[in-house]
Amino acid sequence: MKLTGIILVAGEGTRLRPLTYTLPKPIIPLMGKPLVVRLIEDLKSVGVNEFHVVIGHLGFLFRQVLGDGASIGVKVNYVEQRERLGIAHAIHRAIEEGANGQLIVYLGDNYFQGGVSNFVKVFMENEYDVFIVLTRHRDPTRFGNAVISDGRVVKLIEKPKEPPPNSYVVTGVYMFSDPDDVERAFKSLKPSARGEYEITELIQWFIDNGRRVSYTVTNGWWKDMGTPQDMLDLMYLMLDETKPRIEGEVKGEVNGRVIIEEGAVIEGVVHGPAYIGRGSLVGRDTVIEHYVDVEANVSINGGSISRSLILDNVRLELGKARVVDSIIGPSTRIRLSNGVNRLIIGEGNIIENI
C-alpha cells in the first residue's frame, strides 16, 4: 500500500512572534537544518516518498526551502489552506488535492526523540484504520486528550479545561488507512466553538463507527514547538544527543560535545553541548557556554552566550555582556556593552545598548 505524507505548516505561529512575523516556525533551523526538512527525512526513512505540504501563512517560503522535494529525494506537492479552519480541514484539503493511500499526517512544529519511523511501522504491520501516538504532559489542557479503557481509545477531547483522570495527551502525528473514510468523517463534522474542524472529533467518528483505532504511548520525549521556551527546550534536548564533530578551524578552545561545521572558525572558547554552523566566527574574546546553537554565517565578538539560539547571518558585538535564554532572529545586528540580557528578536533588527 502506498504511503503518503501530509505535513501541516499553515499556522501563523502567533505565540512565537516576533520571530514568526517573517519566518514560519517549521522553517527555523536547529543544528543546521529546518525542522520541516527533518520531518520529511524522518518519514522518507520508512518509505514515504510523496508529500502534500499544507501551507498558509508565508507559504512561499516553504516553496523556497523545499522546492519540489528533489534535493531531499522525495516529491513535494503544495496545498493551500486559505482559512485557518483546523487540522481536520487541512487533512481534508490535502485529500481534495490528491493525497491518497495510507496517510501519515505530521504537524510541522512537532518533534519526537528518535523520529516517528517506529510508530509508522506498527501502524502498517497491524492494519489499523487510525493510529495515534500518546504521551503524558505537565499541562494537558494545551492539547487533545485521549481516554483509554481496557487498552482501547474510547474518547478524545479537544483541550479540556478539566482533563479526565489518567488521560493521555494526543501528539502531532496521525495515521489513517483510508482517505475515503477520512472524507466521510470530515463531512460529519461541524466547526467547534473556536471555529475549527477538530482532529479529535475526526478521530472520534472512527471510534463511534466501530473502526480499528489504536495507539502507542511514546517512551521518548516529544516537543510541540509553540512558544520561544518550547523552541529552546527542543534545542536543549537535541543538543543533549549530539556527538562531537569538528570540521571547522579551532584556534581557541573547545570542550565537551561540540559540533563545529565546515568553514566555522573558533578563536574563543566553546563549551558543549553546542553547535557552531557553517561559516560562523566565534571571536577570541567570546565564550560560548553550554546549550548554544549558532547557525550559519554568524559573527560573535566579545561577551558570553548561554542557553540560546542564534540564527543565520547575525552580527553580535557583546563587549562584556552576557546573553542568556535568547533567540536572535536572522540578519540581526546587536551591540551591547555589559549586563545580563535575555532577547527574543525577529528578523533584521538593529539593537544598540552602549
Protein backbone atom coordinates (compact mmCIF):
# COMPACT_ATOMS: atom_id res chain seq x y z
CA MET A 1 0.00 0.00 0.00
CA LYS A 2 1.27 3.43 -0.92
CA LEU A 3 2.30 5.72 1.95
CA THR A 4 1.69 9.45 1.59
CA GLY A 5 2.94 12.12 3.97
CA ILE A 6 0.83 15.17 4.85
CA ILE A 7 2.84 17.90 6.58
CA LEU A 8 0.75 20.66 8.14
CA VAL A 9 2.50 24.05 8.24
CA ALA A 10 -0.27 26.59 7.58
CA GLY A 11 -0.39 28.11 11.07
CA GLU A 12 0.75 31.63 11.90
CA GLY A 13 2.77 30.71 14.99
CA THR A 14 1.40 33.64 16.97
CA ARG A 15 2.97 32.52 20.26
CA LEU A 16 6.41 32.66 18.66
CA ARG A 17 6.19 36.25 17.49
CA PRO A 18 8.14 38.36 16.66
CA LEU A 19 10.17 35.53 15.05
CA THR A 20 7.22 34.23 13.07
CA TYR A 21 6.25 37.55 11.51
CA THR A 22 8.74 36.72 8.75
CA LEU A 23 9.80 33.11 9.43
CA PRO A 24 7.35 30.20 9.91
CA LYS A 25 8.45 28.09 12.85
CA PRO A 26 8.86 24.81 10.86
CA ILE A 27 11.48 26.61 8.73
CA ILE A 28 13.52 27.82 11.70
CA PRO A 29 16.77 25.81 11.62
CA LEU A 30 18.04 23.84 14.58
CA MET A 31 21.57 22.47 14.33
CA GLY A 32 21.81 23.45 10.68
CA LYS A 33 18.54 22.09 9.33
CA PRO A 34 14.95 23.41 9.22
CA LEU A 35 12.55 21.36 11.31
CA VAL A 36 10.29 20.64 8.31
CA VAL A 37 13.22 19.06 6.45
CA ARG A 38 13.93 16.83 9.45
CA LEU A 39 10.30 15.66 9.48
CA ILE A 40 10.31 14.81 5.78
CA GLU A 41 13.62 12.95 6.06
CA ASP A 42 12.23 11.00 9.01
CA LEU A 43 9.20 9.81 7.03
CA LYS A 44 11.33 9.14 3.96
CA SER A 45 13.28 6.61 6.05
CA VAL A 46 10.15 4.40 6.25
CA GLY A 47 9.27 4.63 2.58
CA VAL A 48 7.23 7.82 2.31
CA ASN A 49 8.29 9.37 -0.99
CA GLU A 50 5.36 11.67 -1.76
CA PHE A 51 4.32 14.58 0.44
CA HIS A 52 1.49 17.08 0.47
CA VAL A 53 2.62 20.16 2.39
CA VAL A 54 -0.37 22.20 3.54
CA ILE A 55 0.69 25.85 3.54
CA GLY A 56 -0.89 29.14 4.52
CA HIS A 57 1.00 31.85 6.40
CA LEU A 58 4.16 32.76 4.43
CA GLY A 59 3.66 29.64 2.32
CA PHE A 60 6.01 30.87 -0.40
CA LEU A 61 8.93 30.38 1.99
CA PHE A 62 8.23 26.63 2.15
CA ARG A 63 8.35 26.53 -1.64
CA GLN A 64 11.75 28.25 -1.47
CA VAL A 65 13.13 25.86 1.17
CA LEU A 66 11.69 22.57 -0.13
CA GLY A 67 11.14 23.22 -3.83
CA ASP A 68 9.74 20.11 -5.49
CA GLY A 69 11.49 17.90 -2.93
CA ALA A 70 14.18 16.68 -5.32
CA SER A 71 17.00 17.91 -3.05
CA ILE A 72 15.66 15.58 -0.32
CA GLY A 73 14.88 12.75 -2.71
CA VAL A 74 11.09 12.99 -2.46
CA LYS A 75 8.17 14.55 -4.32
CA VAL A 76 6.57 17.58 -2.65
CA ASN A 77 3.13 18.90 -3.61
CA TYR A 78 1.71 22.09 -2.11
CA VAL A 79 -1.83 22.52 -0.84
CA GLU A 80 -3.17 25.90 0.25
CA GLN A 81 -5.35 26.26 3.33
CA ARG A 82 -6.53 29.84 2.89
CA GLU A 83 -8.56 29.91 6.11
CA ARG A 84 -7.34 28.53 9.42
CA LEU A 85 -10.14 26.02 9.88
CA GLY A 86 -8.29 23.40 11.89
CA ILE A 87 -6.25 20.23 11.47
CA ALA A 88 -9.12 18.10 10.19
CA HIS A 89 -9.83 20.69 7.49
CA ALA A 90 -6.15 20.76 6.49
CA ILE A 91 -6.18 16.98 6.05
CA HIS A 92 -9.38 17.28 4.01
CA ARG A 93 -7.71 19.87 1.77
CA ALA A 94 -4.76 17.53 1.15
CA ILE A 95 -7.11 14.70 0.16
CA GLU A 96 -9.01 17.09 -2.12
CA GLU A 97 -5.71 17.85 -3.84
CA GLY A 98 -4.86 14.20 -4.44
CA ALA A 99 -3.33 12.74 -1.26
CA ASN A 100 -4.14 9.03 -1.35
CA GLY A 101 -3.03 5.68 0.02
CA GLN A 102 -2.21 5.32 3.71
CA LEU A 103 -1.85 8.80 5.15
CA ILE A 104 0.81 9.81 7.66
CA VAL A 105 -0.15 13.26 8.97
CA TYR A 106 2.59 15.18 10.79
CA LEU A 107 2.26 18.59 12.39
CA GLY A 108 5.18 20.69 11.17
CA ASP A 109 6.04 22.09 14.60
CA ASN A 110 6.27 18.72 16.39
CA TYR A 111 9.39 16.69 17.00
CA PHE A 112 9.90 13.24 18.53
CA GLN A 113 13.03 11.79 20.03
CA GLY A 114 14.23 9.23 17.52
CA GLY A 115 11.59 10.26 14.97
CA VAL A 116 8.30 8.52 14.15
CA SER A 117 9.53 5.68 11.93
CA ASN A 118 8.86 3.01 14.57
CA PHE A 119 5.29 4.27 15.05
CA VAL A 120 4.66 4.11 11.29
CA LYS A 121 5.91 0.53 11.19
CA VAL A 122 3.47 -0.50 13.95
CA PHE A 123 0.62 1.16 12.04
CA MET A 124 1.49 -0.62 8.80
CA GLU A 125 2.04 -4.05 10.36
CA ASN A 126 -1.29 -4.09 12.21
CA GLU A 127 -3.60 -2.63 9.54
CA TYR A 128 -5.29 -0.18 11.89
CA ASP A 129 -7.86 2.25 10.49
CA VAL A 130 -6.42 5.01 12.66
CA PHE A 131 -3.25 5.09 14.74
CA ILE A 132 -2.23 7.85 17.15
CA VAL A 133 0.75 8.47 19.40
CA LEU A 134 0.09 9.47 23.01
CA THR A 135 2.18 10.80 25.87
CA ARG A 136 1.91 12.39 29.30
CA HIS A 137 2.28 16.16 29.66
CA ARG A 138 2.50 18.56 32.60
CA ASP A 139 -0.19 20.77 31.02
CA PRO A 140 -2.73 18.53 29.25
CA THR A 141 -5.14 21.46 28.78
CA ARG A 142 -2.97 22.65 25.85
CA PHE A 143 -3.68 19.56 23.77
CA GLY A 144 -6.26 17.00 22.75
CA ASN A 145 -6.73 14.31 25.42
CA ALA A 146 -7.35 10.59 24.92
CA VAL A 147 -9.29 8.46 27.39
CA ILE A 148 -8.12 4.83 27.40
CA SER A 149 -10.19 1.94 28.80
CA ASP A 150 -9.17 -1.72 28.66
CA GLY A 151 -6.43 -0.91 26.17
CA ARG A 152 -8.80 0.91 23.79
CA VAL A 153 -9.22 4.54 22.85
CA VAL A 154 -12.79 5.33 23.89
CA LYS A 155 -12.95 9.11 23.74
CA LEU A 156 -10.96 12.11 22.53
CA ILE A 157 -11.46 15.59 23.99
CA GLU A 158 -10.02 18.77 22.49
CA LYS A 159 -8.14 20.97 25.01
CA PRO A 160 -10.29 20.16 28.05
CA LYS A 161 -10.41 22.72 30.86
CA GLU A 162 -10.51 19.79 33.29
CA PRO A 163 -8.66 16.81 31.80
CA PRO A 164 -10.12 13.39 32.63
CA PRO A 165 -8.20 11.44 35.28
CA ASN A 166 -5.30 9.41 33.86
CA SER A 167 -5.88 10.66 30.31
CA TYR A 168 -3.08 11.00 27.79
CA VAL A 169 -2.12 13.85 25.51
CA VAL A 170 -2.51 13.31 21.75
CA THR A 171 0.73 14.22 19.97
CA GLY A 172 1.04 15.70 16.49
CA VAL A 173 1.20 12.59 14.28
CA TYR A 174 -1.92 10.81 12.99
CA MET A 175 -2.18 7.82 10.64
CA PHE A 176 -5.17 6.82 8.51
CA SER A 177 -5.53 3.76 6.30
CA ASP A 178 -8.34 5.01 4.03
CA PRO A 179 -8.71 8.60 2.73
CA ASP A 180 -12.34 7.87 1.75
CA ASP A 181 -13.15 7.14 5.39
CA VAL A 182 -11.41 10.34 6.41
CA GLU A 183 -13.65 12.25 4.00
CA ARG A 184 -16.77 10.53 5.37
CA ALA A 185 -15.70 11.53 8.86
CA PHE A 186 -14.94 15.10 7.82
CA LYS A 187 -18.37 15.56 6.22
CA SER A 188 -19.97 14.71 9.57
CA LEU A 189 -18.10 17.47 11.43
CA LYS A 190 -19.21 20.93 12.43
CA PRO A 191 -16.85 23.73 13.49
CA SER A 192 -16.05 23.78 17.18
CA ALA A 193 -16.59 26.75 19.49
CA ARG A 194 -13.28 28.17 18.28
CA GLY A 195 -14.35 27.87 14.66
CA GLU A 196 -12.19 24.89 13.68
CA TYR A 197 -12.75 21.36 12.47
CA GLU A 198 -11.02 19.44 15.24
CA ILE A 199 -8.79 16.42 14.68
CA THR A 200 -10.13 14.91 17.91
CA GLU A 201 -13.68 14.99 16.53
CA LEU A 202 -12.50 13.49 13.24
CA ILE A 203 -10.90 10.53 15.02
CA GLN A 204 -13.91 10.22 17.35
CA TRP A 205 -16.03 9.43 14.26
CA PHE A 206 -13.86 6.36 13.65
CA ILE A 207 -14.27 5.28 17.29
CA ASP A 208 -18.05 5.78 17.23
CA ASN A 209 -18.35 3.84 13.97
CA GLY A 210 -16.51 0.80 15.25
CA ARG A 211 -13.32 1.22 13.25
CA ARG A 212 -9.95 -0.03 14.48
CA VAL A 213 -8.49 2.95 16.32
CA SER A 214 -5.30 2.11 18.17
CA TYR A 215 -2.44 3.90 19.84
CA THR A 216 1.01 3.71 21.32
CA VAL A 217 2.50 5.66 24.19
CA THR A 218 5.87 7.10 23.31
CA ASN A 219 8.69 6.34 25.70
CA GLY A 220 10.89 9.14 24.35
CA TRP A 221 10.49 12.89 24.63
CA TRP A 222 8.17 14.87 22.40
CA LYS A 223 8.09 18.60 21.81
CA ASP A 224 5.38 20.83 20.42
CA MET A 225 7.22 23.98 19.36
CA GLY A 226 4.63 26.58 20.33
CA THR A 227 6.47 29.20 22.37
CA PRO A 228 10.04 30.58 22.50
CA GLN A 229 10.68 28.47 25.58
CA ASP A 230 9.40 25.37 23.76
CA MET A 231 11.87 26.07 20.95
CA LEU A 232 14.74 26.48 23.39
CA ASP A 233 13.70 23.30 25.20
CA LEU A 234 13.76 21.39 21.91
CA MET A 235 17.20 22.78 21.17
CA TYR A 236 18.44 21.62 24.60
CA LEU A 237 17.07 18.12 24.02
CA MET A 238 18.65 17.88 20.57
CA LEU A 239 22.00 19.18 21.82
CA ASP A 240 21.91 16.62 24.63
CA GLU A 241 22.06 13.89 21.98
CA THR A 242 24.90 15.38 19.92
CA LYS A 243 28.10 13.54 19.22
CA PRO A 244 31.20 15.74 18.88
CA ARG A 245 32.30 16.55 15.35
CA ILE A 246 34.84 19.18 14.31
CA GLU A 247 35.15 20.08 10.65
CA GLY A 248 35.92 23.79 11.04
CA GLU A 249 39.03 25.52 12.33
CA VAL A 250 39.77 25.68 16.05
CA LYS A 251 42.31 28.32 17.05
CA GLY A 252 40.91 28.71 20.56
CA GLU A 253 39.45 26.08 22.89
CA VAL A 254 36.64 23.55 22.52
CA ASN A 255 35.40 21.47 25.45
CA GLY A 256 32.86 18.65 25.55
CA ARG A 257 30.27 17.60 22.97
CA VAL A 258 30.58 20.29 20.30
CA ILE A 259 29.82 20.29 16.58
CA ILE A 260 31.91 22.72 14.53
CA GLU A 261 30.73 22.76 10.91
CA GLU A 262 32.97 23.26 7.89
CA GLY A 263 34.04 26.86 7.39
CA ALA A 264 33.45 27.86 11.02
CA VAL A 265 36.33 29.43 12.94
CA ILE A 266 36.70 29.24 16.72
CA GLU A 267 39.09 31.80 18.18
CA GLY A 268 37.48 31.96 21.62
CA VAL A 269 36.11 29.24 23.91
CA VAL A 270 33.21 26.87 23.25
CA HIS A 271 31.77 24.63 25.97
CA GLY A 272 29.48 21.80 24.92
CA PRO A 273 26.92 20.75 24.25
CA ALA A 274 26.96 23.35 21.49
CA TYR A 275 26.59 23.71 17.74
CA ILE A 276 28.52 26.18 15.55
CA GLY A 277 27.24 26.39 11.98
CA ARG A 278 28.97 26.81 8.64
CA GLY A 279 30.95 30.00 8.14
CA SER A 280 30.44 31.29 11.67
CA LEU A 281 33.11 33.05 13.72
CA VAL A 282 33.46 32.87 17.49
CA GLY A 283 35.85 35.72 18.32
CA ARG A 284 38.84 35.37 20.59
CA ASP A 285 37.23 37.24 23.50
CA THR A 286 33.98 35.23 23.27
CA VAL A 287 32.84 32.38 25.49
CA ILE A 288 30.09 30.10 24.20
CA GLU A 289 28.66 28.41 27.26
CA HIS A 290 26.53 25.27 27.38
CA TYR A 291 23.41 24.73 25.24
CA VAL A 292 24.06 27.22 22.47
CA ASP A 293 23.12 26.76 18.81
CA VAL A 294 24.89 29.22 16.49
CA GLU A 295 23.60 28.82 12.94
CA ALA A 296 25.35 29.73 9.65
CA ASN A 297 27.45 32.83 8.91
CA VAL A 298 27.20 34.33 12.39
CA SER A 299 29.89 36.62 13.80
CA ILE A 300 30.29 36.94 17.58
CA ASN A 301 32.87 39.19 19.19
CA GLY A 302 33.27 39.56 22.93
CA GLY A 303 30.90 38.59 25.74
CA SER A 304 29.37 35.23 26.53
CA ILE A 305 26.28 33.32 25.43
CA SER A 306 24.36 30.61 27.28
CA ARG A 307 21.19 28.56 26.51
CA SER A 308 20.46 30.48 23.31
CA LEU A 309 19.67 30.07 19.61
CA ILE A 310 21.41 32.44 17.19
CA LEU A 311 20.02 32.26 13.65
CA ASP A 312 21.73 32.85 10.29
CA ASN A 313 23.74 35.97 9.41
CA VAL A 314 23.61 37.58 12.87
CA ARG A 315 26.33 40.01 13.98
CA LEU A 316 26.94 40.29 17.73
CA GLU A 317 29.32 42.78 19.37
CA LEU A 318 28.90 41.92 23.03
CA GLY A 319 31.70 43.70 24.89
CA LYS A 320 31.40 42.30 28.42
CA ALA A 321 27.70 41.47 28.10
CA ARG A 322 26.15 38.06 28.70
CA VAL A 323 23.28 36.78 26.54
CA VAL A 324 21.09 34.07 28.11
CA ASP A 325 17.85 32.20 27.25
CA SER A 326 17.59 34.09 23.98
CA ILE A 327 16.51 33.59 20.37
CA ILE A 328 18.07 36.03 17.91
CA GLY A 329 16.36 36.23 14.51
CA PRO A 330 18.34 36.10 11.25
CA SER A 331 20.26 39.08 9.85
CA THR A 332 20.06 40.95 13.15
CA ARG A 333 22.78 43.33 14.39
CA ILE A 334 23.30 43.70 18.14
CA ARG A 335 25.80 45.78 20.05
CA LEU A 336 25.87 45.53 23.86
CA SER A 337 28.37 46.63 26.45
CA ASN A 338 27.57 44.76 29.67
CA GLY A 339 24.92 43.20 31.86
CA VAL A 340 22.85 40.03 31.54
CA ASN A 341 20.48 40.16 28.58
CA ARG A 342 17.53 37.98 27.54
CA LEU A 343 16.38 38.72 23.99
CA ILE A 344 13.63 37.33 21.76
CA ILE A 345 14.18 39.17 18.48
CA GLY A 346 12.76 38.76 14.99
CA GLU A 347 14.49 39.08 11.64
CA GLY A 348 16.57 42.04 10.52
CA ASN A 349 16.62 44.13 13.70
CA ILE A 350 19.30 46.50 14.94
CA ILE A 351 19.81 46.86 18.70
CA GLU A 352 22.45 49.03 20.34
CA ASN A 353 22.86 49.46 24.07
CA ILE A 354 26.21 51.07 24.66
